[in-house]
Amino acid sequence: MCSWMPAHQWACLSFIPTNDASNQNDTGGKRMWWKQLPILYYLIPPLLLALFVRIKCRSFRLCAAFMFFGVFVHETLHLVTGAILGARPVGMSVIPRLGQQGTMELGSVCFSNITWYNALPLAIAPLFGLPLAAAVAYWRTMGGWTFLWIDPPVWIALASVLISCWPSSTDWRISLQSWPIYLGAVGYIAWLYFPIP
């Protein structure tokens, strides 16, 4: 806070509502959180669309078509992380198919060198889709936001990324090869919260 600025100028930069009479608006002085957080505001339609598709989509082909872009991002994040960490990627597929147990298999990446130190980062790599979605929302809202023709396609792409950014059950199973990392994390947490007297 700068002492030379009048109170009504610095209060509007705050995320805390004030009772300053000069800061009253048409909602009776109550500040709406989504006007202060335009990125989250922009992500509401893709989040609702992703939730709707996740709950209501029963057709394999329709789900695969909707999730194609998100699956591509998901598998590309696995591929890039594997290349950086020395897992030696040997193949990638984003062609949807039915799995061996009747489940949907929308994509895959194969590696030839998954070890204890790279299995966990490989497994959680799709979570980088979340900051990617936030970056796209920031790009659309950084200069103030008005609805444009590009918003519905961007929302569909973001919904696809958001629905695909969680690691799959296979990813979590592979991450168990990083058991020394899990063991070290549990030991560190135990050391912090249960010190030996």
Protein backbone atom coordinates (compact mmCIF):
# COMPACT_ATOMS: atom_id res chain seq x y z
CA MET A 1 0.00 0.00 0.00
CA CYS A 2 1.34 3.42 -0.92
CA SER A 3 0.74 6.12 1.69
CA TRP A 4 0.54 8.88 -0.92
CA MET A 5 -2.45 7.27 -2.70
CA PRO A 6 -5.98 8.17 -1.58
CA ALA A 7 -7.85 5.29 0.04
CA HIS A 8 -10.44 5.00 -2.74
CA GLN A 9 -7.68 4.28 -5.31
CA TRP A 10 -5.84 1.52 -3.49
CA ALA A 11 -8.97 -0.15 -2.11
CA CYS A 12 -10.15 -1.03 -5.62
CA LEU A 13 -6.93 -3.03 -6.17
CA SER A 14 -7.72 -5.21 -3.18
CA PHE A 15 -9.53 -8.54 -3.25
CA ILE A 16 -11.11 -7.64 0.09
CA PRO A 17 -14.48 -5.85 -0.07
CA THR A 18 -14.48 -2.43 1.55
CA ASN A 19 -17.23 -0.31 3.02
CA ASP A 20 -15.88 2.85 1.39
CA ALA A 21 -18.82 4.88 0.06
CA SER A 22 -16.80 5.87 -3.02
CA ASN A 23 -16.49 2.18 -3.96
CA GLN A 24 -20.22 1.43 -4.01
CA ASN A 25 -21.62 -0.19 -7.15
CA ASP A 26 -25.03 -1.37 -8.28
CA THR A 27 -24.84 -4.49 -6.08
CA GLY A 28 -24.98 -2.48 -2.88
CA GLY A 29 -21.23 -2.38 -2.28
CA LYS A 30 -20.72 -6.13 -2.42
CA ARG A 31 -17.84 -7.06 -4.72
CA MET A 32 -18.47 -10.12 -6.91
CA TRP A 33 -15.58 -12.58 -6.85
CA TRP A 34 -15.91 -13.54 -10.50
CA LYS A 35 -15.42 -9.94 -11.60
CA GLN A 36 -12.11 -10.00 -9.77
CA LEU A 37 -11.06 -13.40 -11.11
CA PRO A 38 -11.59 -13.26 -14.88
CA ILE A 39 -9.60 -16.43 -15.59
CA LEU A 40 -11.90 -18.57 -13.44
CA TYR A 41 -14.88 -16.72 -14.87
CA TYR A 42 -13.74 -17.62 -18.38
CA LEU A 43 -13.22 -21.28 -17.37
CA ILE A 44 -16.78 -21.75 -16.05
CA PRO A 45 -18.33 -22.68 -19.46
CA PRO A 46 -15.62 -25.28 -20.27
CA LEU A 47 -15.87 -26.74 -16.77
CA LEU A 48 -19.65 -27.08 -17.06
CA LEU A 49 -19.33 -28.59 -20.55
CA ALA A 50 -16.70 -31.08 -19.34
CA LEU A 51 -18.93 -32.05 -16.41
CA PHE A 52 -21.94 -32.46 -18.71
CA VAL A 53 -20.00 -34.65 -21.17
CA ARG A 54 -18.52 -36.72 -18.35
CA ILE A 55 -21.97 -37.42 -16.90
CA LYS A 56 -24.18 -37.67 -19.99
CA CYS A 57 -22.03 -39.01 -22.85
CA ARG A 58 -22.85 -42.68 -23.49
CA SER A 59 -21.66 -43.03 -27.08
CA PHE A 60 -18.05 -44.19 -27.51
CA ARG A 61 -17.69 -42.40 -30.85
CA LEU A 62 -19.17 -39.14 -29.61
CA CYS A 63 -16.99 -39.16 -26.47
CA ALA A 64 -13.90 -40.02 -28.50
CA ALA A 65 -14.61 -37.19 -30.97
CA PHE A 66 -15.21 -34.67 -28.18
CA MET A 67 -12.12 -35.73 -26.20
CA PHE A 68 -9.73 -36.03 -29.17
CA PHE A 69 -7.96 -32.71 -28.59
CA GLY A 70 -7.68 -33.31 -24.85
CA VAL A 71 -6.33 -36.82 -25.41
CA PHE A 72 -3.77 -35.43 -27.85
CA VAL A 73 -2.62 -32.92 -25.19
CA HIS A 74 -2.64 -35.66 -22.50
CA GLU A 75 -0.49 -38.05 -24.54
CA THR A 76 1.81 -35.27 -25.79
CA LEU A 77 2.51 -34.24 -22.19
CA HIS A 78 3.42 -37.88 -21.41
CA LEU A 79 5.66 -37.97 -24.50
CA VAL A 80 7.48 -34.69 -23.76
CA THR A 81 7.98 -35.56 -20.09
CA GLY A 82 9.28 -39.01 -21.04
CA ALA A 83 11.71 -37.54 -23.55
CA ILE A 84 13.02 -35.03 -20.99
CA LEU A 85 13.41 -37.62 -18.20
CA GLY A 86 15.04 -40.33 -20.32
CA ALA A 87 12.11 -42.77 -20.47
CA ARG A 88 12.79 -43.25 -24.20
CA PRO A 89 9.36 -42.95 -25.87
CA VAL A 90 8.95 -45.49 -28.66
CA GLY A 91 5.41 -44.84 -29.87
CA MET A 92 2.31 -42.72 -29.47
CA SER A 93 -1.27 -43.29 -30.55
CA VAL A 94 -4.32 -41.05 -30.31
CA ILE A 95 -6.59 -43.36 -32.31
CA PRO A 96 -9.54 -44.33 -30.09
CA ARG A 97 -10.34 -48.02 -29.64
CA LEU A 98 -12.03 -50.36 -27.23
CA GLY A 99 -9.66 -51.80 -24.66
CA GLN A 100 -9.25 -55.46 -23.71
CA GLN A 101 -11.80 -55.24 -20.88
CA GLY A 102 -14.41 -53.32 -22.88
CA THR A 103 -13.22 -49.93 -21.67
CA MET A 104 -12.44 -46.93 -23.87
CA GLU A 105 -8.77 -46.54 -24.76
CA LEU A 106 -8.45 -43.11 -26.29
CA GLY A 107 -4.67 -42.92 -26.59
CA SER A 108 -1.36 -44.30 -25.40
CA VAL A 109 2.36 -43.63 -25.29
CA CYS A 110 4.89 -46.46 -25.03
CA PHE A 111 8.27 -46.10 -23.31
CA SER A 112 11.26 -48.42 -23.18
CA ASN A 113 12.95 -47.09 -20.02
CA ILE A 114 10.48 -46.42 -17.20
CA THR A 115 12.41 -46.38 -13.92
CA TRP A 116 11.79 -45.48 -10.27
CA TYR A 117 12.81 -41.84 -10.77
CA ASN A 118 10.76 -41.08 -13.90
CA ALA A 119 7.58 -43.15 -13.42
CA LEU A 120 5.82 -40.66 -11.12
CA PRO A 121 6.56 -37.56 -13.24
CA LEU A 122 5.45 -39.50 -16.33
CA ALA A 123 2.20 -40.48 -14.63
CA ILE A 124 1.26 -36.99 -13.46
CA ALA A 125 2.40 -35.17 -16.63
CA PRO A 126 -1.21 -34.69 -17.88
CA LEU A 127 -1.88 -32.43 -14.88
CA PHE A 128 0.12 -29.78 -16.77
CA GLY A 129 -3.08 -29.44 -18.84
CA LEU A 130 -4.51 -27.37 -15.97
CA PRO A 131 -1.97 -24.52 -16.21
CA LEU A 132 -2.26 -24.76 -19.99
CA ALA A 133 -6.03 -24.18 -19.72
CA ALA A 134 -5.42 -21.30 -17.31
CA ALA A 135 -2.90 -19.78 -19.75
CA VAL A 136 -5.44 -19.91 -22.58
CA ALA A 137 -8.06 -18.31 -20.32
CA TYR A 138 -5.55 -15.62 -19.36
CA TRP A 139 -4.79 -14.98 -23.03
CA ARG A 140 -8.50 -14.46 -23.73
CA THR A 141 -9.12 -12.21 -20.69
CA MET A 142 -5.88 -10.23 -20.29
CA GLY A 143 -7.12 -7.11 -22.09
CA GLY A 144 -10.68 -7.31 -20.83
CA TRP A 145 -13.06 -9.86 -22.18
CA THR A 146 -15.90 -9.54 -24.65
CA PHE A 147 -17.64 -12.48 -26.26
CA LEU A 148 -16.18 -13.24 -29.70
CA TRP A 149 -16.81 -15.95 -32.28
CA ILE A 150 -13.60 -17.70 -31.17
CA ASP A 151 -14.88 -18.32 -27.61
CA PRO A 152 -17.18 -21.34 -28.25
CA PRO A 153 -14.42 -23.33 -30.08
CA VAL A 154 -11.92 -22.36 -27.37
CA TRP A 155 -14.38 -23.48 -24.68
CA ILE A 156 -14.88 -26.83 -26.43
CA ALA A 157 -11.10 -27.34 -26.69
CA LEU A 158 -10.62 -26.32 -23.04
CA ALA A 159 -13.40 -28.66 -21.92
CA SER A 160 -11.67 -31.48 -23.79
CA VAL A 161 -8.35 -30.65 -22.10
CA LEU A 162 -9.96 -30.33 -18.65
CA ILE A 163 -11.74 -33.67 -18.95
CA SER A 164 -8.53 -35.36 -20.14
CA CYS A 165 -5.98 -33.80 -17.78
CA TRP A 166 -6.41 -36.27 -14.93
CA PRO A 167 -3.98 -39.23 -15.07
CA SER A 168 -5.64 -42.52 -16.00
CA SER A 169 -5.72 -45.62 -13.81
CA THR A 170 -2.92 -47.05 -15.95
CA ASP A 171 -0.87 -43.91 -15.29
CA TRP A 172 -1.34 -44.30 -11.54
CA ARG A 173 -0.41 -47.99 -11.74
CA ILE A 174 2.82 -47.12 -13.58
CA SER A 175 3.59 -44.41 -11.00
CA LEU A 176 3.90 -47.12 -8.34
CA GLN A 177 7.31 -47.94 -9.83
CA SER A 178 8.39 -44.70 -8.13
CA TRP A 179 7.86 -46.28 -4.72
CA PRO A 180 11.11 -44.78 -3.35
CA ILE A 181 9.70 -41.30 -4.04
CA TYR A 182 6.42 -42.18 -2.31
CA LEU A 183 8.32 -43.70 0.62
CA GLY A 184 10.55 -40.62 0.89
CA ALA A 185 7.50 -38.31 0.82
CA VAL A 186 5.76 -40.31 3.56
CA GLY A 187 8.95 -40.32 5.63
CA TYR A 188 9.42 -36.57 5.22
CA ILE A 189 5.79 -35.86 6.23
CA ALA A 190 6.14 -38.19 9.22
CA TRP A 191 9.37 -36.43 10.22
CA LEU A 192 7.64 -33.03 10.02
CA TYR A 193 4.50 -33.93 11.93
CA PHE A 194 5.70 -36.68 14.26
CA PRO A 195 9.18 -35.68 15.42
CA ILE A 196 11.15 -38.15 17.50
CA PRO A 197 11.55 -36.72 21.03
